[in-house]
C-alpha atoms as a PDB file:
ATOM      1  CA  MET A   1     -34.991 125.186 -48.929  1.00  0.00           C
ATOM      2  CA  ALA A   2     -31.823 126.672 -47.457  1.00  0.00           C
ATOM      3  CA  ALA A   3     -29.194 124.408 -45.975  1.00  0.00           C
ATOM      4  CA  GLY A   4     -28.806 126.579 -42.876  1.00  0.00           C
ATOM      5  CA  ASN A   5     -26.069 128.931 -41.781  1.00  0.00           C
ATOM      6  CA  ALA A   6     -22.709 128.602 -43.510  1.00  0.00           C
ATOM      7  CA  THR A   7     -21.018 127.565 -40.246  1.00  0.00           C
ATOM      8  CA  SER A   8     -23.677 125.003 -39.244  1.00  0.00           C
ATOM      9  CA  VAL A   9     -22.460 121.430 -39.238  1.00  0.00           C
ATOM     10  CA  ILE A  10     -26.002 120.298 -38.334  1.00  0.00           C
ATOM     11  CA  ALA A  11     -29.121 121.983 -39.736  1.00  0.00           C
ATOM     12  CA  ALA A  12     -32.603 120.569 -39.131  1.00  0.00           C
ATOM     13  CA  ARG A  13     -35.478 122.008 -41.136  1.00  0.00           C
ATOM     14  CA  SER A  14     -39.091 121.201 -40.189  1.00  0.00           C
ATOM     15  CA  LEU A  15     -38.135 117.673 -39.078  1.00  0.00           C
ATOM     16  CA  VAL A  16     -41.106 115.387 -38.531  1.00  0.00           C
ATOM     17  CA  LYS A  17     -40.824 111.765 -37.473  1.00  0.00           C
ATOM     18  CA  THR A  18     -43.961 109.644 -37.224  1.00  0.00           C
ATOM     19  CA  TYR A  19     -44.019 106.037 -36.062  1.00  0.00           C
ATOM     20  CA  VAL A  20     -46.936 103.737 -36.831  1.00  0.00           C
ATOM     21  CA  VAL A  21     -47.823 101.538 -33.857  1.00  0.00           C
ATOM     22  CA  GLY A  22     -50.728  99.272 -34.745  1.00  0.00           C
ATOM     23  CA  ASP A  23     -53.630 101.531 -35.650  1.00  0.00           C
ATOM     24  CA  TYR A  24     -51.999 104.580 -34.117  1.00  0.00           C
ATOM     25  CA  GLN A  25     -49.526 107.168 -35.333  1.00  0.00           C
ATOM     26  CA  VAL A  26     -47.009 108.494 -32.833  1.00  0.00           C
ATOM     27  CA  LYS A  27     -45.368 111.793 -33.747  1.00  0.00           C
ATOM     28  CA  ALA A  28     -41.955 111.723 -32.113  1.00  0.00           C
ATOM     29  CA  LEU A  29     -40.844 114.970 -33.793  1.00  0.00           C
ATOM     30  CA  ARG A  30     -43.252 117.721 -34.819  1.00  0.00           C
ATOM     31  CA  GLY A  31     -41.411 120.158 -37.070  1.00  0.00           C
ATOM     32  CA  VAL A  32     -38.041 120.703 -35.402  1.00  0.00           C
ATOM     33  CA  ASN A  33     -35.803 123.516 -36.654  1.00  0.00           C
ATOM     34  CA  LEU A  34     -32.314 123.636 -35.189  1.00  0.00           C
ATOM     35  CA  ASP A  35     -28.812 124.756 -36.191  1.00  0.00           C
ATOM     36  CA  VAL A  36     -25.623 123.521 -34.548  1.00  0.00           C
ATOM     37  CA  PRO A  37     -22.507 125.519 -35.473  1.00  0.00           C
ATOM     38  CA  SER A  38     -19.264 123.678 -36.052  1.00  0.00           C
ATOM     39  CA  GLY A  39     -17.300 123.307 -32.814  1.00  0.00           C
ATOM     40  CA  GLU A  40     -20.266 123.734 -30.481  1.00  0.00           C
ATOM     41  CA  PHE A  41     -20.945 121.549 -27.431  1.00  0.00           C
ATOM     42  CA  LEU A  42     -24.715 121.101 -27.485  1.00  0.00           C
ATOM     43  CA  ALA A  43     -26.593 119.365 -24.681  1.00  0.00           C
ATOM     44  CA  VAL A  44     -30.059 118.048 -25.574  1.00  0.00           C
ATOM     45  CA  THR A  45     -32.387 117.442 -22.635  1.00  0.00           C
ATOM     46  CA  GLY A  46     -35.990 116.480 -22.050  1.00  0.00           C
ATOM     47  CA  PRO A  47     -38.155 113.839 -20.361  1.00  0.00           C
ATOM     48  CA  SER A  48     -38.695 110.347 -21.734  1.00  0.00           C
ATOM     49  CA  GLY A  49     -40.786 110.524 -24.894  1.00  0.00           C
ATOM     50  CA  SER A  50     -39.813 114.128 -25.608  1.00  0.00           C
ATOM     51  CA  GLY A  51     -38.174 113.326 -28.947  1.00  0.00           C
ATOM     52  CA  LYS A  52     -34.540 113.866 -27.987  1.00  0.00           C
ATOM     53  CA  SER A  53     -33.432 110.306 -28.799  1.00  0.00           C
ATOM     54  CA  THR A  54     -35.316 110.351 -32.104  1.00  0.00           C
ATOM     55  CA  PHE A  55     -33.571 113.615 -32.935  1.00  0.00           C
ATOM     56  CA  MET A  56     -30.193 112.025 -32.136  1.00  0.00           C
ATOM     57  CA  HIS A  57     -30.937 109.020 -34.352  1.00  0.00           C
ATOM     58  CA  ILE A  58     -31.669 111.321 -37.281  1.00  0.00           C
ATOM     59  CA  VAL A  59     -28.640 113.526 -36.601  1.00  0.00           C
ATOM     60  CA  GLY A  60     -26.502 110.381 -36.356  1.00  0.00           C
ATOM     61  CA  CYS A  61     -27.802 109.095 -39.710  1.00  0.00           C
ATOM     62  CA  LEU A  62     -29.307 106.065 -37.952  1.00  0.00           C
ATOM     63  CA  ASP A  63     -32.802 107.004 -39.116  1.00  0.00           C
ATOM     64  CA  ARG A  64     -34.518 109.261 -41.621  1.00  0.00           C
ATOM     65  CA  PRO A  65     -37.271 111.824 -40.985  1.00  0.00           C
ATOM     66  CA  THR A  66     -40.813 111.265 -42.208  1.00  0.00           C
ATOM     67  CA  SER A  67     -40.705 114.782 -43.633  1.00  0.00           C
ATOM     68  CA  GLY A  68     -38.456 117.812 -43.461  1.00  0.00           C
ATOM     69  CA  GLN A  69     -34.748 118.019 -44.207  1.00  0.00           C
ATOM     70  CA  TYR A  70     -31.512 117.368 -42.360  1.00  0.00           C
ATOM     71  CA  PHE A  71     -28.287 118.910 -43.610  1.00  0.00           C
ATOM     72  CA  LEU A  72     -24.922 117.587 -42.425  1.00  0.00           C
ATOM     73  CA  ASP A  73     -22.023 119.826 -43.427  1.00  0.00           C
ATOM     74  CA  GLY A  74     -24.352 121.404 -45.977  1.00  0.00           C
ATOM     75  CA  GLN A  75     -25.313 118.060 -47.538  1.00  0.00           C
ATOM     76  CA  ASP A  76     -28.961 116.961 -47.466  1.00  0.00           C
ATOM     77  CA  VAL A  77     -28.778 113.474 -45.965  1.00  0.00           C
ATOM     78  CA  SER A  78     -32.472 113.155 -45.076  1.00  0.00           C
ATOM     79  CA  ARG A  79     -33.326 111.107 -48.167  1.00  0.00           C
ATOM     80  CA  MET A  80     -30.166 109.053 -48.526  1.00  0.00           C
ATOM     81  CA  SER A  81     -30.286 105.274 -48.837  1.00  0.00           C
ATOM     82  CA  LYS A  82     -29.213 103.066 -45.927  1.00  0.00           C
ATOM     83  CA  ASN A  83     -25.844 102.409 -47.568  1.00  0.00           C
ATOM     84  CA  GLU A  84     -25.271 106.106 -48.197  1.00  0.00           C
ATOM     85  CA  LEU A  85     -26.183 106.928 -44.594  1.00  0.00           C
ATOM     86  CA  ALA A  86     -23.776 104.241 -43.346  1.00  0.00           C
ATOM     87  CA  ALA A  87     -20.957 105.773 -45.386  1.00  0.00           C
ATOM     88  CA  VAL A  88     -21.638 109.256 -43.984  1.00  0.00           C
ATOM     89  CA  ARG A  89     -21.879 107.847 -40.447  1.00  0.00           C
ATOM     90  CA  ASN A  90     -18.551 106.077 -40.697  1.00  0.00           C
ATOM     91  CA  LYS A  91     -16.761 109.117 -42.098  1.00  0.00           C
ATOM     92  CA  LYS A  92     -18.163 111.986 -40.055  1.00  0.00           C
ATOM     93  CA  ILE A  93     -19.772 110.745 -36.818  1.00  0.00           C
ATOM     94  CA  GLY A  94     -18.533 109.017 -33.684  1.00  0.00           C
ATOM     95  CA  PHE A  95     -20.972 107.462 -31.188  1.00  0.00           C
ATOM     96  CA  VAL A  96     -20.708 106.987 -27.419  1.00  0.00           C
ATOM     97  CA  PHE A  97     -23.526 105.189 -25.597  1.00  0.00           C
ATOM     98  CA  GLN A  98     -24.546 104.628 -21.998  1.00  0.00           C
ATOM     99  CA  GLY A  99     -23.879 100.881 -22.185  1.00  0.00           C
ATOM    100  CA  PHE A 100     -20.328 101.148 -23.651  1.00  0.00           C
ATOM    101  CA  ASN A 101     -21.144  98.409 -26.245  1.00  0.00           C
ATOM    102  CA  LEU A 102     -17.693  96.816 -26.053  1.00  0.00           C
ATOM    103  CA  LEU A 103     -17.003  93.248 -27.161  1.00  0.00           C
ATOM    104  CA  SER A 104     -16.419  91.377 -23.920  1.00  0.00           C
ATOM    105  CA  ARG A 105     -13.837  88.880 -25.185  1.00  0.00           C
ATOM    106  CA  THR A 106     -11.844  91.456 -27.108  1.00  0.00           C
ATOM    107  CA  SER A 107      -9.003  93.655 -25.884  1.00  0.00           C
ATOM    108  CA  ALA A 108      -9.299  97.412 -25.570  1.00  0.00           C
ATOM    109  CA  LEU A 109      -7.006  97.767 -28.584  1.00  0.00           C
ATOM    110  CA  ASP A 110      -9.125  95.472 -30.768  1.00  0.00           C
ATOM    111  CA  ASN A 111     -12.348  97.183 -29.654  1.00  0.00           C
ATOM    112  CA  VAL A 112     -10.979 100.540 -30.772  1.00  0.00           C
ATOM    113  CA  GLU A 113      -9.879  99.103 -34.126  1.00  0.00           C
ATOM    114  CA  LEU A 114     -13.348  97.797 -35.003  1.00  0.00           C
ATOM    115  CA  PRO A 115     -14.593 100.910 -36.892  1.00  0.00           C
ATOM    116  CA  LEU A 116     -11.479 100.771 -39.075  1.00  0.00           C
ATOM    117  CA  LEU A 117     -12.223  97.163 -40.005  1.00  0.00           C
ATOM    118  CA  TYR A 118     -15.946  97.655 -40.607  1.00  0.00           C
ATOM    119  CA  GLY A 119     -15.390 100.898 -42.497  1.00  0.00           C
ATOM    120  CA  GLY A 120     -13.215  99.272 -45.133  1.00  0.00           C
ATOM    121  CA  SER A 121     -10.044 101.085 -44.101  1.00  0.00           C
ATOM    122  CA  THR A 122      -7.048 100.550 -46.376  1.00  0.00           C
ATOM    123  CA  LEU A 123      -4.605 100.899 -43.475  1.00  0.00           C
ATOM    124  CA  LYS A 124      -2.147  98.093 -42.867  1.00  0.00           C
ATOM    125  CA  THR A 125      -2.491  96.078 -39.660  1.00  0.00           C
ATOM    126  CA  SER A 126       0.479  97.867 -38.090  1.00  0.00           C
ATOM    127  CA  GLU A 127      -1.033 101.247 -39.004  1.00  0.00           C
ATOM    128  CA  ARG A 128      -4.389 100.296 -37.481  1.00  0.00           C
ATOM    129  CA  HIS A 129      -2.657  99.170 -34.287  1.00  0.00           C
ATOM    130  CA  LYS A 130      -0.745 102.429 -34.037  1.00  0.00           C
ATOM    131  CA  LEU A 131      -3.832 104.567 -34.610  1.00  0.00           C
ATOM    132  CA  ALA A 132      -5.827 102.614 -32.021  1.00  0.00           C
ATOM    133  CA  LYS A 133      -2.968 102.885 -29.514  1.00  0.00           C
ATOM    134  CA  ASP A 134      -2.750 106.626 -30.132  1.00  0.00           C
ATOM    135  CA  MET A 135      -6.492 106.992 -29.449  1.00  0.00           C
ATOM    136  CA  LEU A 136      -6.281 104.971 -26.237  1.00  0.00           C
ATOM    137  CA  ALA A 137      -3.314 107.041 -25.093  1.00  0.00           C
ATOM    138  CA  ALA A 138      -5.264 110.213 -25.876  1.00  0.00           C
ATOM    139  CA  VAL A 139      -8.029 109.169 -23.458  1.00  0.00           C
ATOM    140  CA  GLY A 140      -5.571 108.172 -20.726  1.00  0.00           C
ATOM    141  CA  LEU A 141      -5.435 104.418 -21.323  1.00  0.00           C
ATOM    142  CA  GLY A 142      -1.962 104.066 -22.772  1.00  0.00           C
ATOM    143  CA  ASP A 143      -1.229 101.237 -20.325  1.00  0.00           C
ATOM    144  CA  ARG A 144      -4.449  99.276 -20.925  1.00  0.00           C
ATOM    145  CA  PHE A 145      -4.094  98.121 -24.543  1.00  0.00           C
ATOM    146  CA  SER A 146      -4.419  94.409 -23.810  1.00  0.00           C
ATOM    147  CA  HIS A 147      -7.054  94.613 -21.072  1.00  0.00           C
ATOM    148  CA  HIS A 148     -10.521  93.158 -21.673  1.00  0.00           C
ATOM    149  CA  PRO A 149     -13.672  95.045 -20.585  1.00  0.00           C
ATOM    150  CA  ASN A 150     -14.082  92.898 -17.445  1.00  0.00           C
ATOM    151  CA  GLN A 151     -10.600  94.017 -16.384  1.00  0.00           C
ATOM    152  CA  LEU A 152     -11.526  97.703 -16.622  1.00  0.00           C
ATOM    153  CA  SER A 153     -13.605 100.002 -14.420  1.00  0.00           C
ATOM    154  CA  GLY A 154     -16.783 101.586 -15.767  1.00  0.00           C
ATOM    155  CA  GLY A 155     -14.955 104.835 -16.439  1.00  0.00           C
ATOM    156  CA  GLN A 156     -12.158 103.032 -18.265  1.00  0.00           C
ATOM    157  CA  GLN A 157     -14.672 101.148 -20.388  1.00  0.00           C
ATOM    158  CA  GLN A 158     -16.315 104.427 -21.341  1.00  0.00           C
ATOM    159  CA  ARG A 159     -12.890 105.814 -22.268  1.00  0.00           C
ATOM    160  CA  VAL A 160     -12.345 102.825 -24.563  1.00  0.00           C
ATOM    161  CA  ALA A 161     -15.740 103.576 -26.146  1.00  0.00           C
ATOM    162  CA  ILE A 162     -14.714 107.221 -26.634  1.00  0.00           C
ATOM    163  CA  ALA A 163     -11.400 106.165 -28.205  1.00  0.00           C
ATOM    164  CA  ARG A 164     -13.334 103.872 -30.552  1.00  0.00           C
ATOM    165  CA  ALA A 165     -15.635 106.769 -31.488  1.00  0.00           C
ATOM    166  CA  LEU A 166     -12.608 108.943 -32.315  1.00  0.00           C
ATOM    167  CA  VAL A 167     -10.552 106.466 -34.319  1.00  0.00           C
ATOM    168  CA  ASN A 168     -12.026 107.527 -37.689  1.00  0.00           C
ATOM    169  CA  ASN A 169     -11.375 111.208 -36.885  1.00  0.00           C
ATOM    170  CA  PRO A 170     -15.052 112.278 -36.948  1.00  0.00           C
ATOM    171  CA  SER A 171     -16.124 115.908 -37.019  1.00  0.00           C
ATOM    172  CA  ILE A 172     -19.133 115.158 -34.766  1.00  0.00           C
ATOM    173  CA  LEU A 173     -19.303 113.179 -31.532  1.00  0.00           C
ATOM    174  CA  LEU A 174     -22.780 112.025 -30.451  1.00  0.00           C
ATOM    175  CA  ALA A 175     -23.047 110.906 -26.842  1.00  0.00           C
ATOM    176  CA  ASP A 176     -26.281 109.289 -25.640  1.00  0.00           C
ATOM    177  CA  GLU A 177     -26.510 109.347 -21.813  1.00  0.00           C
ATOM    178  CA  PRO A 178     -22.745 108.591 -21.580  1.00  0.00           C
ATOM    179  CA  THR A 179     -22.644 109.017 -17.782  1.00  0.00           C
ATOM    180  CA  GLY A 180     -25.805 107.036 -17.015  1.00  0.00           C
ATOM    181  CA  ASN A 181     -23.906 104.003 -15.677  1.00  0.00           C
ATOM    182  CA  LEU A 182     -21.113 105.905 -13.937  1.00  0.00           C
ATOM    183  CA  ASP A 183     -20.534 107.194 -10.401  1.00  0.00           C
ATOM    184  CA  SER A 184     -20.187 110.928  -9.724  1.00  0.00           C
ATOM    185  CA  ARG A 185     -16.402 111.193  -9.894  1.00  0.00           C
ATOM    186  CA  THR A 186     -16.170 109.082 -13.046  1.00  0.00           C
ATOM    187  CA  SER A 187     -18.985 111.075 -14.683  1.00  0.00           C
ATOM    188  CA  ILE A 188     -17.096 114.303 -14.049  1.00  0.00           C
ATOM    189  CA  ASP A 189     -13.906 112.800 -15.445  1.00  0.00           C
ATOM    190  CA  VAL A 190     -15.665 111.647 -18.627  1.00  0.00           C
ATOM    191  CA  MET A 191     -17.347 115.024 -19.109  1.00  0.00           C
ATOM    192  CA  GLY A 192     -13.975 116.698 -18.686  1.00  0.00           C
ATOM    193  CA  LEU A 193     -12.675 114.513 -21.502  1.00  0.00           C
ATOM    194  CA  PHE A 194     -15.574 115.568 -23.747  1.00  0.00           C
ATOM    195  CA  GLN A 195     -14.804 119.206 -22.980  1.00  0.00           C
ATOM    196  CA  ARG A 196     -11.141 118.754 -23.888  1.00  0.00           C
ATOM    197  CA  LEU A 197     -12.031 117.058 -27.172  1.00  0.00           C
ATOM    198  CA  ASN A 198     -14.391 119.923 -27.954  1.00  0.00           C
ATOM    199  CA  ILE A 199     -11.950 122.688 -27.027  1.00  0.00           C
ATOM    200  CA  GLU A 200      -8.627 121.210 -28.135  1.00  0.00           C
ATOM    201  CA  ARG A 201      -9.709 119.276 -31.242  1.00  0.00           C
ATOM    202  CA  GLY A 202     -12.680 121.381 -32.283  1.00  0.00           C
ATOM    203  CA  ILE A 203     -15.005 118.371 -32.383  1.00  0.00           C
ATOM    204  CA  THR A 204     -18.687 119.243 -32.412  1.00  0.00           C
ATOM    205  CA  VAL A 205     -20.299 117.438 -29.470  1.00  0.00           C
ATOM    206  CA  VAL A 206     -24.015 116.640 -29.214  1.00  0.00           C
ATOM    207  CA  LEU A 207     -24.825 115.223 -25.796  1.00  0.00           C
ATOM    208  CA  ILE A 208     -28.177 113.609 -24.957  1.00  0.00           C
ATOM    209  CA  THR A 209     -28.861 113.659 -21.217  1.00  0.00           C
ATOM    210  CA  HIS A 210     -31.689 113.908 -18.706  1.00  0.00           C
ATOM    211  CA  GLU A 211     -29.318 115.219 -16.021  1.00  0.00           C
ATOM    212  CA  HIS A 212     -29.293 119.016 -15.838  1.00  0.00           C
ATOM    213  CA  ASP A 213     -25.903 119.185 -14.107  1.00  0.00           C
ATOM    214  CA  ILE A 214     -24.342 117.091 -16.881  1.00  0.00           C
ATOM    215  CA  ALA A 215     -25.932 119.330 -19.523  1.00  0.00           C
ATOM    216  CA  GLU A 216     -24.137 122.315 -18.012  1.00  0.00           C
ATOM    217  CA  TYR A 217     -20.777 120.992 -19.195  1.00  0.00           C
ATOM    218  CA  GLY A 218     -21.873 122.077 -22.665  1.00  0.00           C
ATOM    219  CA  THR A 219     -21.977 125.547 -24.211  1.00  0.00           C
ATOM    220  CA  ARG A 220     -25.682 125.445 -25.107  1.00  0.00           C
ATOM    221  CA  ILE A 221     -28.733 123.560 -23.859  1.00  0.00           C
ATOM    222  CA  VAL A 222     -31.755 122.682 -25.995  1.00  0.00           C
ATOM    223  CA  SER A 223     -34.787 121.119 -24.302  1.00  0.00           C
ATOM    224  CA  PHE A 224     -37.354 118.957 -26.070  1.00  0.00           C
ATOM    225  CA  ARG A 225     -40.925 118.239 -25.023  1.00  0.00           C
ATOM    226  CA  ASP A 226     -43.634 116.469 -27.009  1.00  0.00           C
ATOM    227  CA  GLY A 227     -41.511 116.443 -30.144  1.00  0.00           C
ATOM    228  CA  VAL A 228     -40.669 120.148 -30.285  1.00  0.00           C
ATOM    229  CA  VAL A 229     -37.902 122.409 -28.978  1.00  0.00           C
ATOM    230  CA  VAL A 230     -39.267 124.319 -25.986  1.00  0.00           C
ATOM    231  CA  THR A 231     -36.106 126.110 -24.818  1.00  0.00           C
ATOM    232  CA  ASP A 232     -32.795 126.952 -26.445  1.00  0.00           C
ATOM    233  CA  ARG A 233     -30.262 128.834 -24.337  1.00  0.00           C
ATOM    234  CA  PRO A 234     -26.519 129.329 -23.943  1.00  0.00           C
ATOM    235  CA  VAL A 235     -24.803 128.054 -20.806  1.00  0.00           C
ATOM    236  CA  THR A 236     -23.772 131.168 -18.911  1.00  0.00           C
ATOM    237  CA  SER A 237     -21.927 129.417 -16.077  1.00  0.00           C
ATOM    238  CA  ARG A 238     -20.290 126.344 -17.567  1.00  0.00           C
ATOM    239  CA  ARG A 239     -19.238 123.477 -15.330  1.00  0.00           C
ATOM    240  CA  THR A 240     -15.659 122.250 -15.598  1.00  0.00           C
ATOM    241  CA  ALA A 241     -14.221 118.954 -14.420  1.00  0.00           C
ATOM    242  CA  ALA A 242     -11.499 120.634 -12.354  1.00  0.00           C
ATOM    243  CA  ASP A 243     -13.991 122.722 -10.368  1.00  0.00           C
ATOM    244  CA  GLU A 244     -16.417 119.842  -9.863  1.00  0.00           C
ATOM    245  CA  LEU A 245     -13.725 117.395  -8.725  1.00  0.00           C
ATOM    246  CA  ALA A 246     -12.461 119.947  -6.217  1.00  0.00           C
ATOM    247  CA  ASN A 247     -15.939 120.081  -4.672  1.00  0.00           C
ATOM    248  CA  LEU A 248     -16.372 116.322  -4.346  1.00  0.00           C
ATOM    249  CA  PRO A 249     -15.904 114.661  -0.941  1.00  0.00           C
ATOM    250  CA  ASP A 250     -12.752 112.574  -0.563  1.00  0.00           C
ATOM    251  CA  THR A 251     -14.857 109.440  -0.223  1.00  0.00           C
ATOM    252  CA  ALA A 252     -16.203 109.698  -3.768  1.00  0.00           C
ATOM    253  CA  GLU A 253     -15.199 106.727  -5.892  1.00  0.00           C
ATOM    254  CA  ALA A 254     -12.272 107.211  -8.248  1.00  0.00           C
ATOM    255  CA  VAL A 255     -12.144 106.119 -11.895  1.00  0.00           C
END
């Protein structure tokens, strides 16, 4: 079976995922075929139970399909062992979640360094510190190195999470409802950051969201329903953070 287009960083071929719940089988994915070119900003939408989160777990090497194939950078990872999947995850994929998932008693700097420690990095302590500081500065938190999560706003915590996702220099950034816990102004600011990472660094972004306005920050929108792709379209009028912030009332909460 072909690995997809030469420029596809993600290629799904007839992906099926079936969960066994008691005496029942639940088909979360029912033969999904999808290509994501390198450097694309893909938004994946759909109602609860549509299969979008299951698709993200497979794309993020957090789970394996029941049948079908998944190619990441041309490599079939759909039958890899858990250890092999963990190695691919650490090298190629950064994750950003709705709940931030920061260690509460740990500084922003130490939170960002965690993937380097868990991934078996050979960097010296001073080199890890510098890399983590560079990532925090890149997301606008150059003056918050020593702050703990409870000393940061929701938007700042999400920025720390994004810096942590970037510290291993991944080629793919997976964001699962990253604005779900944020106010309107902060959501726009975070989406603007994703756009800059996509445009300036060429990072492939896969965004899972149920919010149609958030999906329109991407370049392409794919909608799932009942485990299959029902629509796949380019974004013809892309939202930008600058335009959206200009249209917000002055009373909207700042980051």
